[in-house]
């Protein structure tokens, strides 16, 4: 059964929990193993990360195309939650992770020692998220969502921000918005949950959205591009500040490699990109399906090479304020850096590792 919507605690509580988690993690072997260059030792050449089932991330593409040089990836586990992904970075369980901008801001505002280094996903006319109902559903407007269940992949992230913004823009009061029930459903299960009437609205993006449309019987109630306007960048990869300080060259290699992967996906014929995804999934041997990859359309990242700008963060200020995550103006200087993104040309050449 989908998990019921929960109310997030105040930032101070998050900071306390995070501090405890960091202390406990700091006592383990992983933190010791990741000591790096600023202390005089060699920089690490292995980057721990979490993957996504049936999908290929930009950092995986970068490695396969040879853009990471002698830096290697170490897969730790899979995740379908951006907040969980960046929390794993903050607590030194992984070295790189990505999430919706609002989740990144929330974690940093709570005191997490991480920093955004590059955009890794966004929305455009080809790659976006839709909020779908069955074709015969009586739900037609935002007000019809009061008392209904909306499936999202996780709480407190991109989908919740878009839904709340859409409801607010449509004239619903804060009390009415609270009556729209968000339930957590894994992305790969959302279409089935919608068709089985376990939820009233399903959040579908990318290849999962295209697969549902190809099957038929669903229609979009609204889209995030329609709510925000597009194209726009919506999520960032983060690294820990201590990792950046101890491993500056490795960090530059990884971030610049991801930037090259973004432009490779942007400029390479679609069929070749899909073939590369299929090749990577086959090589990693995790018993996954490649069936949905045929629906891939675009990289989605709006900015050249994923470079960050203030607007990527300030775009969400109203939502973050209404959610109680921030109380004043955003200090964007502490949120992100482009220092490690050295990409200058929008079309790098690729050397496949075979």
Protein backbone atom coordinates (compact mmCIF):
# COMPACT_ATOMS: atom_id res chain seq x y z
CA UNK A 1 0.00 0.00 0.00
CA UNK A 2 1.27 3.54 -0.68
CA UNK A 3 2.64 5.39 2.30
CA UNK A 4 0.42 8.18 3.62
CA UNK A 5 1.48 11.79 3.46
CA UNK A 6 3.59 12.92 6.39
CA UNK A 7 4.29 16.38 7.72
CA UNK A 8 7.97 17.25 7.71
CA UNK A 9 9.53 18.39 10.98
CA UNK A 10 11.20 21.77 11.44
CA UNK A 11 14.65 22.42 10.02
CA UNK A 12 16.20 22.38 13.47
CA UNK A 13 15.10 18.81 14.06
CA UNK A 14 16.52 17.80 10.70
CA UNK A 15 19.80 19.45 11.61
CA UNK A 16 20.01 17.59 14.92
CA UNK A 17 19.29 14.26 13.27
CA UNK A 18 21.77 15.00 10.52
CA UNK A 19 24.46 16.03 12.99
CA UNK A 20 24.02 12.78 14.92
CA UNK A 21 24.12 10.79 11.70
CA UNK A 22 27.31 12.55 10.62
CA UNK A 23 28.96 11.87 13.97
CA UNK A 24 28.05 8.20 13.83
CA UNK A 25 29.16 7.88 10.21
CA UNK A 26 32.40 9.68 10.99
CA UNK A 27 33.26 6.87 13.39
CA UNK A 28 33.05 4.28 10.61
CA UNK A 29 35.56 3.12 8.07
CA UNK A 30 33.99 4.83 5.05
CA UNK A 31 35.00 8.32 6.16
CA UNK A 32 38.59 7.20 6.78
CA UNK A 33 38.79 5.58 3.38
CA UNK A 34 37.76 8.82 1.70
CA UNK A 35 40.62 10.97 2.99
CA UNK A 36 42.06 13.00 0.15
CA UNK A 37 44.48 15.52 -1.31
CA UNK A 38 44.47 18.60 0.94
CA UNK A 39 45.98 16.60 3.77
CA UNK A 40 48.92 15.60 1.58
CA UNK A 41 47.64 12.18 0.54
CA UNK A 42 46.57 11.03 -2.88
CA UNK A 43 43.09 12.01 -4.01
CA UNK A 44 40.47 9.28 -4.13
CA UNK A 45 39.78 7.75 -7.52
CA UNK A 46 36.63 5.83 -6.63
CA UNK A 47 33.26 7.58 -6.40
CA UNK A 48 30.46 5.87 -4.48
CA UNK A 49 26.97 6.43 -5.87
CA UNK A 50 23.42 5.13 -5.90
CA UNK A 51 21.74 4.08 -9.12
CA UNK A 52 18.16 3.99 -10.34
CA UNK A 53 16.58 0.71 -11.51
CA UNK A 54 15.99 0.44 -15.26
CA UNK A 55 17.59 3.85 -15.79
CA UNK A 56 21.03 5.17 -16.62
CA UNK A 57 22.33 8.25 -14.82
CA UNK A 58 24.53 10.95 -16.29
CA UNK A 59 27.48 9.96 -14.13
CA UNK A 60 27.21 6.40 -15.47
CA UNK A 61 27.15 7.70 -19.04
CA UNK A 62 30.19 9.86 -18.27
CA UNK A 63 32.14 6.87 -17.01
CA UNK A 64 31.20 4.65 -19.94
CA UNK A 65 32.21 7.30 -22.48
CA UNK A 66 35.59 7.75 -20.84
CA UNK A 67 34.86 11.26 -19.56
CA UNK A 68 35.91 10.34 -16.00
CA UNK A 69 39.44 9.34 -16.97
CA UNK A 70 41.00 7.22 -14.21
CA UNK A 71 38.13 7.90 -11.79
CA UNK A 72 35.90 4.85 -11.29
CA UNK A 73 32.35 4.50 -10.00
CA UNK A 74 31.36 2.18 -7.17
CA UNK A 75 27.66 1.32 -7.14
CA UNK A 76 26.38 1.13 -3.55
CA UNK A 77 22.65 0.54 -4.04
CA UNK A 78 19.60 1.80 -5.91
CA UNK A 79 17.29 4.61 -4.88
CA UNK A 80 14.14 6.18 -6.31
CA UNK A 81 14.19 9.11 -3.88
CA UNK A 82 16.21 12.26 -4.44
CA UNK A 83 16.10 13.34 -0.78
CA UNK A 84 17.40 9.93 0.27
CA UNK A 85 20.13 10.15 -2.38
CA UNK A 86 21.54 13.44 -1.13
CA UNK A 87 21.09 12.43 2.52
CA UNK A 88 23.39 9.49 1.75
CA UNK A 89 26.00 11.96 0.50
CA UNK A 90 25.65 14.15 3.60
CA UNK A 91 26.16 11.15 5.90
CA UNK A 92 29.17 9.88 3.90
CA UNK A 93 27.49 6.71 2.67
CA UNK A 94 28.06 7.89 -0.89
CA UNK A 95 30.09 10.63 -2.55
CA UNK A 96 27.63 11.99 -5.12
CA UNK A 97 23.85 12.15 -5.22
CA UNK A 98 21.12 14.19 -6.82
CA UNK A 99 17.73 15.60 -5.93
CA UNK A 100 15.14 18.25 -6.65
CA UNK A 101 16.41 21.77 -5.98
CA UNK A 102 14.03 22.29 -3.07
CA UNK A 103 15.30 19.14 -1.37
CA UNK A 104 18.89 20.31 -1.88
CA UNK A 105 18.07 23.68 -0.34
CA UNK A 106 16.24 22.06 2.58
CA UNK A 107 19.20 19.81 3.39
CA UNK A 108 21.73 22.64 3.22
CA UNK A 109 19.52 24.98 5.25
CA UNK A 110 19.34 22.23 7.89
CA UNK A 111 23.12 22.33 8.20
CA UNK A 112 24.26 19.54 5.90
CA UNK A 113 27.86 20.05 4.69
CA UNK A 114 27.07 19.56 0.99
CA UNK A 115 27.10 21.83 -2.03
CA UNK A 116 25.41 21.65 -5.43
CA UNK A 117 27.94 21.34 -8.25
CA UNK A 118 25.92 20.81 -11.47
CA UNK A 119 22.35 20.54 -12.77
CA UNK A 120 21.51 16.96 -13.67
CA UNK A 121 17.84 17.04 -14.63
CA UNK A 122 15.32 19.50 -15.93
CA UNK A 123 12.21 19.88 -18.01
CA UNK A 124 11.65 20.91 -21.62
CA UNK A 125 9.06 20.38 -24.33
CA UNK A 126 10.19 16.79 -24.82
CA UNK A 127 11.14 15.73 -21.29
CA UNK A 128 8.73 16.74 -18.54
CA UNK A 129 6.49 15.36 -15.81
CA UNK A 130 2.74 15.02 -16.18
CA UNK A 131 0.08 14.47 -13.55
CA UNK A 132 -2.31 11.94 -15.04
CA UNK A 133 -5.84 10.71 -14.44
CA UNK A 134 -7.71 7.95 -16.22
CA UNK A 135 -9.46 9.05 -19.39
CA UNK A 136 -12.92 8.71 -17.85
CA UNK A 137 -12.05 10.36 -14.54
CA UNK A 138 -14.37 13.16 -13.36
CA UNK A 139 -11.30 15.10 -12.18
CA UNK A 140 -10.93 18.11 -14.48
CA UNK A 141 -9.68 21.00 -12.36
CA UNK A 142 -7.39 21.64 -9.42
CA UNK A 143 -10.39 22.00 -7.12
CA UNK A 144 -11.48 18.47 -8.07
CA UNK A 145 -8.34 17.20 -6.35
CA UNK A 146 -9.61 18.05 -2.87
CA UNK A 147 -9.97 14.77 -0.99
CA UNK A 148 -8.21 12.80 -3.75
CA UNK A 149 -5.01 10.71 -3.70
CA UNK A 150 -2.06 11.79 -5.83
CA UNK A 151 0.86 9.40 -6.31
CA UNK A 152 4.36 10.89 -6.01
CA UNK A 153 7.75 9.19 -5.83
CA UNK A 154 8.67 10.84 -2.53
CA UNK A 155 7.46 13.61 -0.24
CA UNK A 156 9.02 17.06 0.09
CA UNK A 157 10.53 17.11 -3.39
CA UNK A 158 9.88 18.11 -7.01
CA UNK A 159 6.40 16.63 -7.42
CA UNK A 160 5.09 18.04 -4.15
CA UNK A 161 6.44 21.48 -5.06
CA UNK A 162 4.78 21.41 -8.48
CA UNK A 163 1.46 20.12 -7.11
CA UNK A 164 1.36 22.71 -4.33
CA UNK A 165 2.28 25.49 -6.75
CA UNK A 166 -0.44 24.38 -9.18
CA UNK A 167 -3.05 24.23 -6.42
CA UNK A 168 -2.05 27.64 -5.05
CA UNK A 169 -2.04 29.19 -8.53
CA UNK A 170 -5.51 27.72 -9.10
CA UNK A 171 -6.92 29.56 -6.10
CA UNK A 172 -7.02 26.83 -3.43
CA UNK A 173 -6.49 27.96 0.15
CA UNK A 174 -3.79 26.43 2.38
CA UNK A 175 -6.49 24.44 4.19
CA UNK A 176 -7.88 23.11 0.92
CA UNK A 177 -4.40 22.19 -0.30
CA UNK A 178 -3.88 20.11 2.86
CA UNK A 179 -6.89 18.02 1.84
CA UNK A 180 -5.13 16.83 -1.31
CA UNK A 181 -3.50 13.60 -0.16
CA UNK A 182 -0.04 12.78 -1.51
CA UNK A 183 0.89 9.11 -1.32
CA UNK A 184 4.30 7.62 -2.07
CA UNK A 185 4.37 5.11 -4.92
CA UNK A 186 7.59 3.92 -6.64
CA UNK A 187 7.77 5.42 -10.15
CA UNK A 188 7.79 2.03 -11.86
CA UNK A 189 4.52 1.15 -10.09
CA UNK A 190 2.63 4.42 -10.56
CA UNK A 191 0.93 3.59 -13.85
CA UNK A 192 -0.40 0.31 -12.45
CA UNK A 193 -1.61 2.02 -9.26
CA UNK A 194 -3.51 4.57 -11.36
CA UNK A 195 -5.13 1.97 -13.62
CA UNK A 196 -6.09 -0.17 -10.62
CA UNK A 197 -7.69 2.92 -9.01
CA UNK A 198 -5.41 2.74 -5.97
CA UNK A 199 -4.76 6.45 -6.57
CA UNK A 200 -6.72 9.13 -8.37
CA UNK A 201 -3.76 10.86 -9.99
CA UNK A 202 -0.42 9.41 -11.03
CA UNK A 203 2.79 11.38 -11.45
CA UNK A 204 4.57 10.17 -14.58
CA UNK A 205 7.68 11.49 -16.26
CA UNK A 206 10.10 10.56 -18.99
CA UNK A 207 9.91 7.06 -20.40
CA UNK A 208 7.28 5.97 -17.85
CA UNK A 209 5.00 8.73 -19.04
CA UNK A 210 5.49 7.81 -22.69
CA UNK A 211 4.82 4.16 -21.99
CA UNK A 212 1.52 5.02 -20.28
CA UNK A 213 0.50 7.27 -23.17
CA UNK A 214 1.34 4.55 -25.67
CA UNK A 215 -0.90 2.16 -23.73
CA UNK A 216 -3.69 4.76 -23.79
CA UNK A 217 -6.58 5.46 -21.44
CA UNK A 218 -4.93 8.29 -19.48
CA UNK A 219 -4.85 12.07 -19.86
CA UNK A 220 -2.74 14.83 -18.36
CA UNK A 221 -4.43 17.02 -15.79
CA UNK A 222 -1.43 19.38 -15.76
CA UNK A 223 2.33 19.29 -16.37
CA UNK A 224 5.25 20.85 -14.54
CA UNK A 225 6.32 22.76 -17.65
CA UNK A 226 2.81 24.18 -17.79
CA UNK A 227 2.94 25.20 -14.14
CA UNK A 228 6.46 26.67 -14.05
CA UNK A 229 7.09 27.49 -17.70
CA UNK A 230 10.03 26.02 -19.47
CA UNK A 231 12.55 24.87 -20.17
CA UNK A 232 14.02 24.91 -16.67
CA UNK A 233 16.50 22.99 -14.53
CA UNK A 234 15.03 21.30 -11.47
CA UNK A 235 17.67 19.20 -9.73
CA UNK A 236 21.35 19.17 -8.86
CA UNK A 237 24.09 16.71 -8.05
CA UNK A 238 25.75 17.46 -4.70
CA UNK A 239 29.10 16.56 -3.19
CA UNK A 240 30.26 16.97 0.41
CA UNK A 241 32.30 20.07 1.10
CA UNK A 242 35.06 18.05 2.75
CA UNK A 243 35.26 15.83 -0.33
CA UNK A 244 35.57 18.88 -2.58
CA UNK A 245 38.33 20.31 -0.38
CA UNK A 246 40.30 17.06 -0.12
CA UNK A 247 39.78 15.91 -3.70
CA UNK A 248 39.62 18.99 -5.94
CA UNK A 249 41.04 17.35 -9.06
CA UNK A 250 38.84 14.28 -8.74
CA UNK A 251 35.87 16.58 -8.19
CA UNK A 252 36.71 18.57 -11.34
CA UNK A 253 37.05 15.36 -13.32
CA UNK A 254 33.68 14.05 -12.15
CA UNK A 255 31.71 17.29 -12.51
CA UNK A 256 33.24 18.17 -15.88
CA UNK A 257 32.68 14.58 -17.02
CA UNK A 258 28.99 14.88 -16.16
CA UNK A 259 28.85 18.19 -18.06
CA UNK A 260 30.32 16.45 -21.09
CA UNK A 261 27.78 13.63 -20.73
CA UNK A 262 24.95 16.20 -20.72
CA UNK A 263 26.15 17.69 -24.00
CA UNK A 264 26.83 14.26 -25.48
CA UNK A 265 23.21 13.27 -24.84
CA UNK A 266 22.03 16.63 -26.18
CA UNK A 267 23.97 16.41 -29.45
CA UNK A 268 24.02 12.67 -30.18
CA UNK A 269 21.27 11.08 -32.31
CA UNK A 270 18.52 9.68 -30.10
CA UNK A 271 18.94 6.10 -31.34
CA UNK A 272 22.62 6.12 -30.38
CA UNK A 273 21.87 7.46 -26.91
CA UNK A 274 19.28 4.74 -26.31
CA UNK A 275 21.72 2.10 -27.58
CA UNK A 276 24.33 3.38 -25.12
CA UNK A 277 21.80 3.17 -22.25
CA UNK A 278 20.97 -0.43 -23.21
CA UNK A 279 24.67 -1.30 -23.38
CA UNK A 280 25.36 0.16 -19.92
CA UNK A 281 22.40 -1.65 -18.34
CA UNK A 282 23.48 -4.94 -19.91
CA UNK A 283 27.06 -4.55 -18.68
CA UNK A 284 26.16 -3.74 -15.08
CA UNK A 285 24.20 -6.99 -14.71
CA UNK A 286 21.50 -5.99 -12.22
CA UNK A 287 18.64 -7.98 -13.75
CA UNK A 288 16.89 -4.88 -15.09
CA UNK A 289 14.52 -4.16 -17.95
CA UNK A 290 15.43 -1.95 -20.92
CA UNK A 291 11.86 -1.92 -22.26
CA UNK A 292 11.11 1.70 -21.35
CA UNK A 293 14.35 3.14 -22.76
CA UNK A 294 12.84 3.33 -26.25
CA UNK A 295 10.69 6.21 -25.02
CA UNK A 296 13.68 8.40 -24.07
CA UNK A 297 13.54 11.77 -25.85
CA UNK A 298 16.02 14.29 -24.46
CA UNK A 299 18.51 14.99 -21.70
CA UNK A 300 16.16 17.61 -20.25
CA UNK A 301 18.92 19.74 -18.72
CA UNK A 302 18.33 23.32 -19.88
CA UNK A 303 21.65 25.01 -19.08
CA UNK A 304 24.73 24.36 -21.25
CA UNK A 305 26.87 21.76 -19.52
CA UNK A 306 24.54 21.85 -16.53
CA UNK A 307 26.05 25.11 -15.24
CA UNK A 308 24.28 26.50 -12.19
CA UNK A 309 22.76 29.94 -11.71
CA UNK A 310 20.88 31.75 -8.96
CA UNK A 311 17.58 31.33 -10.79
CA UNK A 312 17.80 27.54 -10.46
CA UNK A 313 17.32 28.04 -6.71
CA UNK A 314 15.32 31.25 -6.34
CA UNK A 315 12.65 29.84 -8.68
CA UNK A 316 11.37 27.74 -5.77
CA UNK A 317 11.50 30.44 -3.07
CA UNK A 318 7.72 30.91 -2.81
CA UNK A 319 7.11 27.18 -2.37
CA UNK A 320 9.94 26.83 0.14
CA UNK A 321 8.64 29.77 2.15
CA UNK A 322 5.07 28.45 2.19
CA UNK A 323 6.40 25.04 3.27
CA UNK A 324 8.33 26.64 6.14
CA UNK A 325 11.69 25.48 4.77
CA UNK A 326 13.08 29.01 4.48
CA UNK A 327 12.08 32.19 6.28
CA UNK A 328 14.01 34.83 4.36
CA UNK A 329 15.98 35.41 1.18
CA UNK A 330 18.08 32.55 -0.12
CA UNK A 331 21.85 32.81 0.26
CA UNK A 332 22.71 31.22 -3.08
CA UNK A 333 26.46 31.52 -2.50
CA UNK A 334 26.33 28.74 0.08
CA UNK A 335 24.09 26.56 -2.08
CA UNK A 336 26.17 26.01 -5.19
CA UNK A 337 29.45 26.40 -7.03
CA UNK A 338 30.51 26.16 -10.69
CA UNK A 339 34.17 25.97 -9.69
CA UNK A 340 34.48 22.30 -10.62
CA UNK A 341 32.68 22.48 -13.97
CA UNK A 342 35.42 23.22 -16.51
CA UNK A 343 33.45 22.46 -19.66
CA UNK A 344 33.81 25.22 -22.22
CA UNK A 345 32.66 23.61 -25.44
CA UNK A 346 29.03 22.42 -25.76
CA UNK A 347 29.91 19.38 -27.88
CA UNK A 348 32.72 17.18 -26.46
CA UNK A 349 33.98 14.19 -28.38
CA UNK A 350 33.43 10.80 -26.77
CA UNK A 351 35.82 7.89 -26.45
CA UNK A 352 33.87 4.76 -25.51
CA UNK A 353 35.55 2.37 -23.12
CA UNK A 354 34.24 -0.53 -25.22
